[in-house]
Amino acid sequence: MDNAAAITPLLSIQGIAKSYGHVRALQGVDMNIYRGEVTGLLGDNGAGKSTLIKILSGIIRPDTGKFMREGQEISVQSRRDSEEIAGIQTIYQDIALVKSMSILRNIFAGREERYPFGFLKMKKMRETAMSILNEHVKIAGITSPDLLVEELSGGQAQAVAIARAVHFQRDILLLDEPTSALSVRETNKVLAIMRDIAEGGRSCVFVTHNLYHAYQVCDRFVVVSHGTVVKSVRKEETSLDELTALIMTH
């Protein structure tokens, strides 16, 4: 996105701080997320990424700081607020799918389509599930929405989680270490999915410790260390070597 600095961010967090007793997990964190971009949230273990993810997801509340949605302050007090007000869908490292359930039931869990007397619209949901898997998140090997998640590979399961988020129209997908347990081929597919989502006008936040994967797909980077942002920079203004050095020296 050209001249992004002059454009109002889709979502901005400002002055976010969180302490647990005497331990300061986050200290005055600022972060902007722009429409149509993939933002890499980078940092070593203990940098504060997990706490920031939980705050963005509405799981925990910051001690101080605020959320801004397209320039207007919003209140994020819960996971529902994160999804419905901030427009964030979080896909956690463990994917948060029920392995013993089908793809279809996972996609529509808690949002099932029903007839007036309560019966499920199974045919419509099955058609919708396959449509979003084939059109929005194309991945080989998913031949039926009735497949159990436990029968899928890691990359296929990630695709199902992403498809669910895409279908329910969240503007920002927050992906927590989505490539950590995937093969090279599956990793490349998930990275390609993130780019497709951004190029389609939504945004992704890619949380990872793998700088090589981040540099492949991200438009900008936010590097955190010891609970603070040590660098926020666009890809064309940095290099893989500089990002590596930032994490190694902070």
C-alpha atoms as a PDB file:
ATOM      1  CA  MET A   1       0.000   0.000   0.000  1.00  0.00           C
ATOM      2  CA  ASP A   2       1.524   3.273  -1.097  1.00  0.00           C
ATOM      3  CA  ASN A   3       1.951   6.141   1.322  1.00  0.00           C
ATOM      4  CA  ALA A   4       0.458   4.043   4.135  1.00  0.00           C
ATOM      5  CA  ALA A   5       1.652   6.432   6.821  1.00  0.00           C
ATOM      6  CA  ALA A   6      -0.796   9.055   5.517  1.00  0.00           C
ATOM      7  CA  ILE A   7      -3.728   6.654   5.634  1.00  0.00           C
ATOM      8  CA  THR A   8      -5.834   6.109   8.735  1.00  0.00           C
ATOM      9  CA  PRO A   9      -5.119   2.619  10.092  1.00  0.00           C
ATOM     10  CA  LEU A  10      -7.890   0.055   9.998  1.00  0.00           C
ATOM     11  CA  LEU A  11      -7.031  -0.688  13.631  1.00  0.00           C
ATOM     12  CA  SER A  12      -4.624   1.033  15.976  1.00  0.00           C
ATOM     13  CA  ILE A  13      -3.642   0.263  19.554  1.00  0.00           C
ATOM     14  CA  GLN A  14      -2.002   3.028  21.542  1.00  0.00           C
ATOM     15  CA  GLY A  15      -0.136   3.001  24.835  1.00  0.00           C
ATOM     16  CA  ILE A  16      -1.043  -0.582  25.695  1.00  0.00           C
ATOM     17  CA  ALA A  17       0.426  -1.710  29.022  1.00  0.00           C
ATOM     18  CA  LYS A  18      -0.099  -4.830  31.114  1.00  0.00           C
ATOM     19  CA  SER A  19       1.549  -5.919  34.348  1.00  0.00           C
ATOM     20  CA  TYR A  20       1.279  -9.063  36.435  1.00  0.00           C
ATOM     21  CA  GLY A  21       2.361  -8.009  39.894  1.00  0.00           C
ATOM     22  CA  HIS A  22       5.864  -6.620  39.542  1.00  0.00           C
ATOM     23  CA  VAL A  23       6.308  -8.102  36.062  1.00  0.00           C
ATOM     24  CA  ARG A  24       5.656  -5.690  33.205  1.00  0.00           C
ATOM     25  CA  ALA A  25       4.503  -7.826  30.295  1.00  0.00           C
ATOM     26  CA  LEU A  26       3.807  -4.845  28.016  1.00  0.00           C
ATOM     27  CA  GLN A  27       4.889  -1.223  28.317  1.00  0.00           C
ATOM     28  CA  GLY A  28       3.355   1.485  26.144  1.00  0.00           C
ATOM     29  CA  VAL A  29       2.879  -0.627  23.012  1.00  0.00           C
ATOM     30  CA  ASP A  30       1.695   1.163  19.856  1.00  0.00           C
ATOM     31  CA  MET A  31       0.747  -0.796  16.751  1.00  0.00           C
ATOM     32  CA  ASN A  32      -1.061   0.057  13.513  1.00  0.00           C
ATOM     33  CA  ILE A  33      -2.804  -2.414  11.211  1.00  0.00           C
ATOM     34  CA  TYR A  34      -3.617  -1.205   7.700  1.00  0.00           C
ATOM     35  CA  ARG A  35      -6.237  -2.537   5.334  1.00  0.00           C
ATOM     36  CA  GLY A  36      -4.839  -4.747   2.593  1.00  0.00           C
ATOM     37  CA  GLU A  37      -1.578  -5.561   4.371  1.00  0.00           C
ATOM     38  CA  VAL A  38       0.079  -8.437   6.188  1.00  0.00           C
ATOM     39  CA  THR A  39       1.722  -7.202   9.379  1.00  0.00           C
ATOM     40  CA  GLY A  40       4.390  -9.362  10.994  1.00  0.00           C
ATOM     41  CA  LEU A  41       4.414  -9.334  14.793  1.00  0.00           C
ATOM     42  CA  LEU A  42       7.915 -10.535  15.609  1.00  0.00           C
ATOM     43  CA  GLY A  43       9.867 -11.262  18.742  1.00  0.00           C
ATOM     44  CA  ASP A  44      11.678 -13.960  20.646  1.00  0.00           C
ATOM     45  CA  ASN A  45      10.099 -16.063  23.397  1.00  0.00           C
ATOM     46  CA  GLY A  46       9.167 -13.821  26.319  1.00  0.00           C
ATOM     47  CA  ALA A  47       9.024 -10.689  24.174  1.00  0.00           C
ATOM     48  CA  GLY A  48       5.382 -10.016  25.011  1.00  0.00           C
ATOM     49  CA  LYS A  49       3.746 -11.390  21.866  1.00  0.00           C
ATOM     50  CA  SER A  50       1.430 -13.769  23.728  1.00  0.00           C
ATOM     51  CA  THR A  51       0.128 -11.048  26.043  1.00  0.00           C
ATOM     52  CA  LEU A  52      -0.434  -8.711  23.105  1.00  0.00           C
ATOM     53  CA  ILE A  53      -2.323 -11.444  21.218  1.00  0.00           C
ATOM     54  CA  LYS A  54      -4.601 -11.973  24.213  1.00  0.00           C
ATOM     55  CA  ILE A  55      -5.308  -8.253  24.474  1.00  0.00           C
ATOM     56  CA  LEU A  56      -6.054  -7.940  20.755  1.00  0.00           C
ATOM     57  CA  SER A  57      -8.309 -10.997  21.044  1.00  0.00           C
ATOM     58  CA  GLY A  58     -10.186  -9.572  24.021  1.00  0.00           C
ATOM     59  CA  ILE A  59      -9.176 -12.407  26.333  1.00  0.00           C
ATOM     60  CA  ILE A  60      -7.463 -10.078  28.790  1.00  0.00           C
ATOM     61  CA  ARG A  61      -7.791  -6.343  29.315  1.00  0.00           C
ATOM     62  CA  PRO A  62      -4.830  -3.978  29.313  1.00  0.00           C
ATOM     63  CA  ASP A  63      -4.076  -1.867  32.372  1.00  0.00           C
ATOM     64  CA  THR A  64      -3.807   1.228  30.187  1.00  0.00           C
ATOM     65  CA  GLY A  65      -4.108   2.080  26.509  1.00  0.00           C
ATOM     66  CA  LYS A  66      -6.809   2.299  23.896  1.00  0.00           C
ATOM     67  CA  PHE A  67      -8.114   0.770  20.675  1.00  0.00           C
ATOM     68  CA  MET A  68      -8.886   2.900  17.627  1.00  0.00           C
ATOM     69  CA  ARG A  69     -10.948   1.597  14.706  1.00  0.00           C
ATOM     70  CA  GLU A  70     -10.503   3.762  11.591  1.00  0.00           C
ATOM     71  CA  GLY A  71      -9.726   6.766  13.765  1.00  0.00           C
ATOM     72  CA  GLN A  72     -12.524   6.279  16.286  1.00  0.00           C
ATOM     73  CA  GLU A  73     -11.894   4.986  19.800  1.00  0.00           C
ATOM     74  CA  ILE A  74     -13.623   1.686  20.557  1.00  0.00           C
ATOM     75  CA  SER A  75     -14.020  -0.457  23.661  1.00  0.00           C
ATOM     76  CA  VAL A  76     -12.699  -4.019  23.590  1.00  0.00           C
ATOM     77  CA  GLN A  77     -13.673  -5.732  26.827  1.00  0.00           C
ATOM     78  CA  SER A  78     -14.231  -9.300  25.640  1.00  0.00           C
ATOM     79  CA  ARG A  79     -13.568 -11.761  22.849  1.00  0.00           C
ATOM     80  CA  ARG A  80     -16.935 -10.852  21.338  1.00  0.00           C
ATOM     81  CA  ASP A  81     -15.925  -7.178  21.302  1.00  0.00           C
ATOM     82  CA  SER A  82     -12.679  -8.121  19.569  1.00  0.00           C
ATOM     83  CA  GLU A  83     -14.586  -9.950  16.844  1.00  0.00           C
ATOM     84  CA  GLU A  84     -17.629  -7.736  16.406  1.00  0.00           C
ATOM     85  CA  ILE A  85     -16.305  -4.252  17.211  1.00  0.00           C
ATOM     86  CA  ALA A  86     -12.579  -4.444  16.369  1.00  0.00           C
ATOM     87  CA  GLY A  87     -13.229  -6.897  13.530  1.00  0.00           C
ATOM     88  CA  ILE A  88     -10.538  -9.385  14.594  1.00  0.00           C
ATOM     89  CA  GLN A  89     -10.735 -13.151  14.145  1.00  0.00           C
ATOM     90  CA  THR A  90      -7.937 -14.912  15.992  1.00  0.00           C
ATOM     91  CA  ILE A  91      -6.613 -18.250  14.776  1.00  0.00           C
ATOM     92  CA  TYR A  92      -4.535 -19.699  17.577  1.00  0.00           C
ATOM     93  CA  GLN A  93      -1.485 -21.927  17.339  1.00  0.00           C
ATOM     94  CA  ASP A  94      -3.570 -24.970  18.317  1.00  0.00           C
ATOM     95  CA  ILE A  95      -6.149 -23.899  15.679  1.00  0.00           C
ATOM     96  CA  ALA A  96      -9.053 -24.249  18.161  1.00  0.00           C
ATOM     97  CA  LEU A  97     -10.931 -26.734  16.004  1.00  0.00           C
ATOM     98  CA  VAL A  98     -12.770 -29.737  17.440  1.00  0.00           C
ATOM     99  CA  LYS A  99     -10.911 -32.671  15.916  1.00  0.00           C
ATOM    100  CA  SER A 100     -13.743 -35.156  16.405  1.00  0.00           C
ATOM    101  CA  MET A 101     -16.165 -32.956  14.451  1.00  0.00           C
ATOM    102  CA  SER A 102     -16.506 -32.506  10.701  1.00  0.00           C
ATOM    103  CA  ILE A 103     -15.219 -29.565   8.688  1.00  0.00           C
ATOM    104  CA  LEU A 104     -18.803 -28.388   8.248  1.00  0.00           C
ATOM    105  CA  ARG A 105     -19.624 -28.469  11.960  1.00  0.00           C
ATOM    106  CA  ASN A 106     -16.384 -26.658  12.809  1.00  0.00           C
ATOM    107  CA  ILE A 107     -17.040 -23.882  10.305  1.00  0.00           C
ATOM    108  CA  PHE A 108     -20.567 -23.290  11.602  1.00  0.00           C
ATOM    109  CA  ALA A 109     -19.980 -24.066  15.295  1.00  0.00           C
ATOM    110  CA  GLY A 110     -22.229 -21.736  17.274  1.00  0.00           C
ATOM    111  CA  ARG A 111     -23.541 -20.150  14.060  1.00  0.00           C
ATOM    112  CA  GLU A 112     -25.588 -22.974  12.572  1.00  0.00           C
ATOM    113  CA  GLU A 113     -28.219 -22.076   9.994  1.00  0.00           C
ATOM    114  CA  ARG A 114     -31.650 -23.372  10.978  1.00  0.00           C
ATOM    115  CA  TYR A 115     -35.196 -23.604   9.711  1.00  0.00           C
ATOM    116  CA  PRO A 116     -37.941 -21.923  11.790  1.00  0.00           C
ATOM    117  CA  PHE A 117     -38.582 -25.102  13.821  1.00  0.00           C
ATOM    118  CA  GLY A 118     -34.913 -25.531  14.680  1.00  0.00           C
ATOM    119  CA  PHE A 119     -33.851 -28.138  12.137  1.00  0.00           C
ATOM    120  CA  LEU A 120     -30.431 -27.553  10.634  1.00  0.00           C
ATOM    121  CA  LYS A 121     -30.123 -26.459   7.012  1.00  0.00           C
ATOM    122  CA  MET A 122     -27.575 -29.189   6.335  1.00  0.00           C
ATOM    123  CA  LYS A 123     -27.658 -29.026   2.539  1.00  0.00           C
ATOM    124  CA  LYS A 124     -27.183 -25.261   2.493  1.00  0.00           C
ATOM    125  CA  MET A 125     -24.383 -25.378   5.080  1.00  0.00           C
ATOM    126  CA  ARG A 126     -22.635 -28.192   3.194  1.00  0.00           C
ATOM    127  CA  GLU A 127     -22.773 -26.223  -0.060  1.00  0.00           C
ATOM    128  CA  THR A 128     -21.547 -23.070   1.680  1.00  0.00           C
ATOM    129  CA  ALA A 129     -18.689 -24.919   3.387  1.00  0.00           C
ATOM    130  CA  MET A 130     -17.379 -26.347   0.130  1.00  0.00           C
ATOM    131  CA  SER A 131     -17.844 -23.035  -1.652  1.00  0.00           C
ATOM    132  CA  ILE A 132     -15.677 -21.107   0.807  1.00  0.00           C
ATOM    133  CA  LEU A 133     -13.042 -23.843   0.895  1.00  0.00           C
ATOM    134  CA  ASN A 134     -12.850 -23.991  -2.904  1.00  0.00           C
ATOM    135  CA  GLU A 135     -13.175 -20.285  -3.686  1.00  0.00           C
ATOM    136  CA  HIS A 136     -11.553 -18.459  -0.786  1.00  0.00           C
ATOM    137  CA  VAL A 137      -9.050 -20.919   0.680  1.00  0.00           C
ATOM    138  CA  LYS A 138      -8.085 -23.359  -2.034  1.00  0.00           C
ATOM    139  CA  ILE A 139      -6.158 -26.355  -0.716  1.00  0.00           C
ATOM    140  CA  ALA A 140      -5.786 -29.839  -2.139  1.00  0.00           C
ATOM    141  CA  GLY A 141      -7.232 -32.926  -0.525  1.00  0.00           C
ATOM    142  CA  ILE A 142     -10.394 -31.486   1.010  1.00  0.00           C
ATOM    143  CA  THR A 143     -13.021 -33.327  -0.990  1.00  0.00           C
ATOM    144  CA  SER A 144     -15.982 -33.163   1.381  1.00  0.00           C
ATOM    145  CA  PRO A 145     -17.187 -30.919   4.213  1.00  0.00           C
ATOM    146  CA  ASP A 146     -18.081 -34.103   6.091  1.00  0.00           C
ATOM    147  CA  LEU A 147     -14.421 -35.056   6.622  1.00  0.00           C
ATOM    148  CA  LEU A 148     -13.407 -35.109  10.271  1.00  0.00           C
ATOM    149  CA  VAL A 149     -10.790 -32.529  11.250  1.00  0.00           C
ATOM    150  CA  GLU A 150      -8.707 -35.307  12.837  1.00  0.00           C
ATOM    151  CA  GLU A 151      -8.318 -36.793   9.343  1.00  0.00           C
ATOM    152  CA  LEU A 152      -6.753 -33.594   7.957  1.00  0.00           C
ATOM    153  CA  SER A 153      -3.120 -32.577   7.720  1.00  0.00           C
ATOM    154  CA  GLY A 154      -1.893 -29.541   9.623  1.00  0.00           C
ATOM    155  CA  GLY A 155      -2.108 -27.321   6.553  1.00  0.00           C
ATOM    156  CA  GLN A 156      -5.613 -28.501   5.727  1.00  0.00           C
ATOM    157  CA  ALA A 157      -6.752 -27.808   9.298  1.00  0.00           C
ATOM    158  CA  GLN A 158      -5.258 -24.305   9.096  1.00  0.00           C
ATOM    159  CA  ALA A 159      -7.185 -23.796   5.854  1.00  0.00           C
ATOM    160  CA  VAL A 160     -10.434 -24.756   7.579  1.00  0.00           C
ATOM    161  CA  ALA A 161      -9.772 -22.301  10.429  1.00  0.00           C
ATOM    162  CA  ILE A 162      -8.964 -19.534   7.945  1.00  0.00           C
ATOM    163  CA  ALA A 163     -12.023 -20.393   5.831  1.00  0.00           C
ATOM    164  CA  ARG A 164     -14.236 -20.038   8.894  1.00  0.00           C
ATOM    165  CA  ALA A 165     -12.800 -16.575   9.572  1.00  0.00           C
ATOM    166  CA  VAL A 166     -13.146 -15.503   5.936  1.00  0.00           C
ATOM    167  CA  HIS A 167     -16.755 -16.656   5.755  1.00  0.00           C
ATOM    168  CA  PHE A 168     -17.817 -14.664   8.803  1.00  0.00           C
ATOM    169  CA  GLN A 169     -16.386 -11.483   7.304  1.00  0.00           C
ATOM    170  CA  ARG A 170     -13.827 -10.358   9.866  1.00  0.00           C
ATOM    171  CA  ASP A 171     -11.602  -7.575   8.586  1.00  0.00           C
ATOM    172  CA  ILE A 172      -8.458  -8.699  10.423  1.00  0.00           C
ATOM    173  CA  LEU A 173      -7.144 -12.231  10.755  1.00  0.00           C
ATOM    174  CA  LEU A 174      -4.716 -12.639  13.641  1.00  0.00           C
ATOM    175  CA  LEU A 175      -2.712 -15.827  13.077  1.00  0.00           C
ATOM    176  CA  ASP A 176      -0.633 -17.117  15.981  1.00  0.00           C
ATOM    177  CA  GLU A 177       2.349 -19.163  14.710  1.00  0.00           C
ATOM    178  CA  PRO A 178       0.278 -20.775  11.917  1.00  0.00           C
ATOM    179  CA  THR A 179       3.303 -22.353  10.186  1.00  0.00           C
ATOM    180  CA  SER A 180       5.084 -23.759  13.233  1.00  0.00           C
ATOM    181  CA  ALA A 181       4.073 -27.414  12.690  1.00  0.00           C
ATOM    182  CA  LEU A 182       3.615 -27.482   8.914  1.00  0.00           C
ATOM    183  CA  SER A 183       5.600 -29.022   6.080  1.00  0.00           C
ATOM    184  CA  VAL A 184       7.353 -26.766   3.578  1.00  0.00           C
ATOM    185  CA  ARG A 185       4.574 -27.220   1.017  1.00  0.00           C
ATOM    186  CA  GLU A 186       1.817 -26.536   3.556  1.00  0.00           C
ATOM    187  CA  THR A 187       3.702 -23.524   4.904  1.00  0.00           C
ATOM    188  CA  ASN A 188       3.936 -22.024   1.439  1.00  0.00           C
ATOM    189  CA  LYS A 189       0.196 -22.555   0.972  1.00  0.00           C
ATOM    190  CA  VAL A 190      -0.689 -20.807   4.241  1.00  0.00           C
ATOM    191  CA  LEU A 191       1.629 -17.899   3.353  1.00  0.00           C
ATOM    192  CA  ALA A 192      -0.090 -17.650  -0.034  1.00  0.00           C
ATOM    193  CA  ILE A 193      -3.498 -17.623   1.664  1.00  0.00           C
ATOM    194  CA  MET A 194      -2.409 -14.667   3.812  1.00  0.00           C
ATOM    195  CA  ARG A 195      -1.323 -12.733   0.737  1.00  0.00           C
ATOM    196  CA  ASP A 196      -4.613 -13.515  -1.023  1.00  0.00           C
ATOM    197  CA  ILE A 197      -6.578 -12.248   1.979  1.00  0.00           C
ATOM    198  CA  ALA A 198      -4.596  -9.000   2.087  1.00  0.00           C
ATOM    199  CA  GLU A 199      -4.836  -8.466  -1.654  1.00  0.00           C
ATOM    200  CA  GLY A 200      -8.590  -8.990  -1.336  1.00  0.00           C
ATOM    201  CA  GLY A 201      -8.790  -5.926   0.928  1.00  0.00           C
ATOM    202  CA  ARG A 202      -8.612  -7.452   4.393  1.00  0.00           C
ATOM    203  CA  SER A 203      -5.664  -7.576   6.763  1.00  0.00           C
ATOM    204  CA  CYS A 204      -3.593 -10.257   8.443  1.00  0.00           C
ATOM    205  CA  VAL A 205      -1.401 -10.103  11.521  1.00  0.00           C
ATOM    206  CA  PHE A 206       1.163 -12.891  11.272  1.00  0.00           C
ATOM    207  CA  VAL A 207       2.606 -13.700  14.693  1.00  0.00           C
ATOM    208  CA  THR A 208       5.791 -15.714  14.295  1.00  0.00           C
ATOM    209  CA  HIS A 209       9.339 -16.270  15.443  1.00  0.00           C
ATOM    210  CA  ASN A 210      10.280 -17.448  11.934  1.00  0.00           C
ATOM    211  CA  LEU A 211      11.741 -14.350  10.310  1.00  0.00           C
ATOM    212  CA  TYR A 212      12.241 -16.069   6.959  1.00  0.00           C
ATOM    213  CA  HIS A 213       8.525 -16.858   6.680  1.00  0.00           C
ATOM    214  CA  ALA A 214       7.617 -13.345   7.826  1.00  0.00           C
ATOM    215  CA  TYR A 215       9.911 -11.690   5.305  1.00  0.00           C
ATOM    216  CA  GLN A 216       8.345 -13.713   2.502  1.00  0.00           C
ATOM    217  CA  VAL A 217       4.810 -12.521   3.107  1.00  0.00           C
ATOM    218  CA  CYS A 218       4.646  -9.351   5.256  1.00  0.00           C
ATOM    219  CA  ASP A 219       4.248  -5.735   4.142  1.00  0.00           C
ATOM    220  CA  ARG A 220       5.387  -4.316   7.485  1.00  0.00           C
ATOM    221  CA  PHE A 221       6.913  -5.546  10.722  1.00  0.00           C
ATOM    222  CA  VAL A 222       6.421  -4.765  14.386  1.00  0.00           C
ATOM    223  CA  VAL A 223       9.303  -6.091  16.498  1.00  0.00           C
ATOM    224  CA  VAL A 224       8.709  -6.451  20.236  1.00  0.00           C
ATOM    225  CA  SER A 225      11.218  -7.165  22.976  1.00  0.00           C
ATOM    226  CA  HIS A 226      10.754  -7.190  26.752  1.00  0.00           C
ATOM    227  CA  GLY A 227       7.251  -5.808  26.369  1.00  0.00           C
ATOM    228  CA  THR A 228       8.099  -2.821  24.189  1.00  0.00           C
ATOM    229  CA  VAL A 229       8.091  -2.115  20.449  1.00  0.00           C
ATOM    230  CA  VAL A 230      11.706  -1.728  19.355  1.00  0.00           C
ATOM    231  CA  LYS A 231      10.925  -1.226  15.664  1.00  0.00           C
ATOM    232  CA  SER A 232       7.910  -0.658  13.430  1.00  0.00           C
ATOM    233  CA  VAL A 233       8.906  -0.591   9.794  1.00  0.00           C
ATOM    234  CA  ARG A 234       7.732  -1.331   6.266  1.00  0.00           C
ATOM    235  CA  LYS A 235       9.402  -4.132   4.347  1.00  0.00           C
ATOM    236  CA  GLU A 236      11.056  -1.855   1.801  1.00  0.00           C
ATOM    237  CA  GLU A 237      12.689   0.099   4.625  1.00  0.00           C
ATOM    238  CA  THR A 238      14.400  -2.870   6.270  1.00  0.00           C
ATOM    239  CA  SER A 239      16.045  -6.201   5.522  1.00  0.00           C
ATOM    240  CA  LEU A 240      16.007  -9.745   6.850  1.00  0.00           C
ATOM    241  CA  ASP A 241      19.459  -9.166   8.335  1.00  0.00           C
ATOM    242  CA  GLU A 242      18.306  -6.032  10.181  1.00  0.00           C
ATOM    243  CA  LEU A 243      15.240  -7.782  11.593  1.00  0.00           C
ATOM    244  CA  THR A 244      17.385 -10.692  12.736  1.00  0.00           C
ATOM    245  CA  ALA A 245      19.834  -8.320  14.404  1.00  0.00           C
ATOM    246  CA  LEU A 246      17.009  -6.472  16.176  1.00  0.00           C
ATOM    247  CA  ILE A 247      15.729  -9.649  17.754  1.00  0.00           C
ATOM    248  CA  MET A 248      19.181 -10.973  18.599  1.00  0.00           C
ATOM    249  CA  THR A 249      20.373  -7.770  20.284  1.00  0.00           C
ATOM    250  CA  HIS A 250      17.262  -6.778  22.291  1.00  0.00           C
END
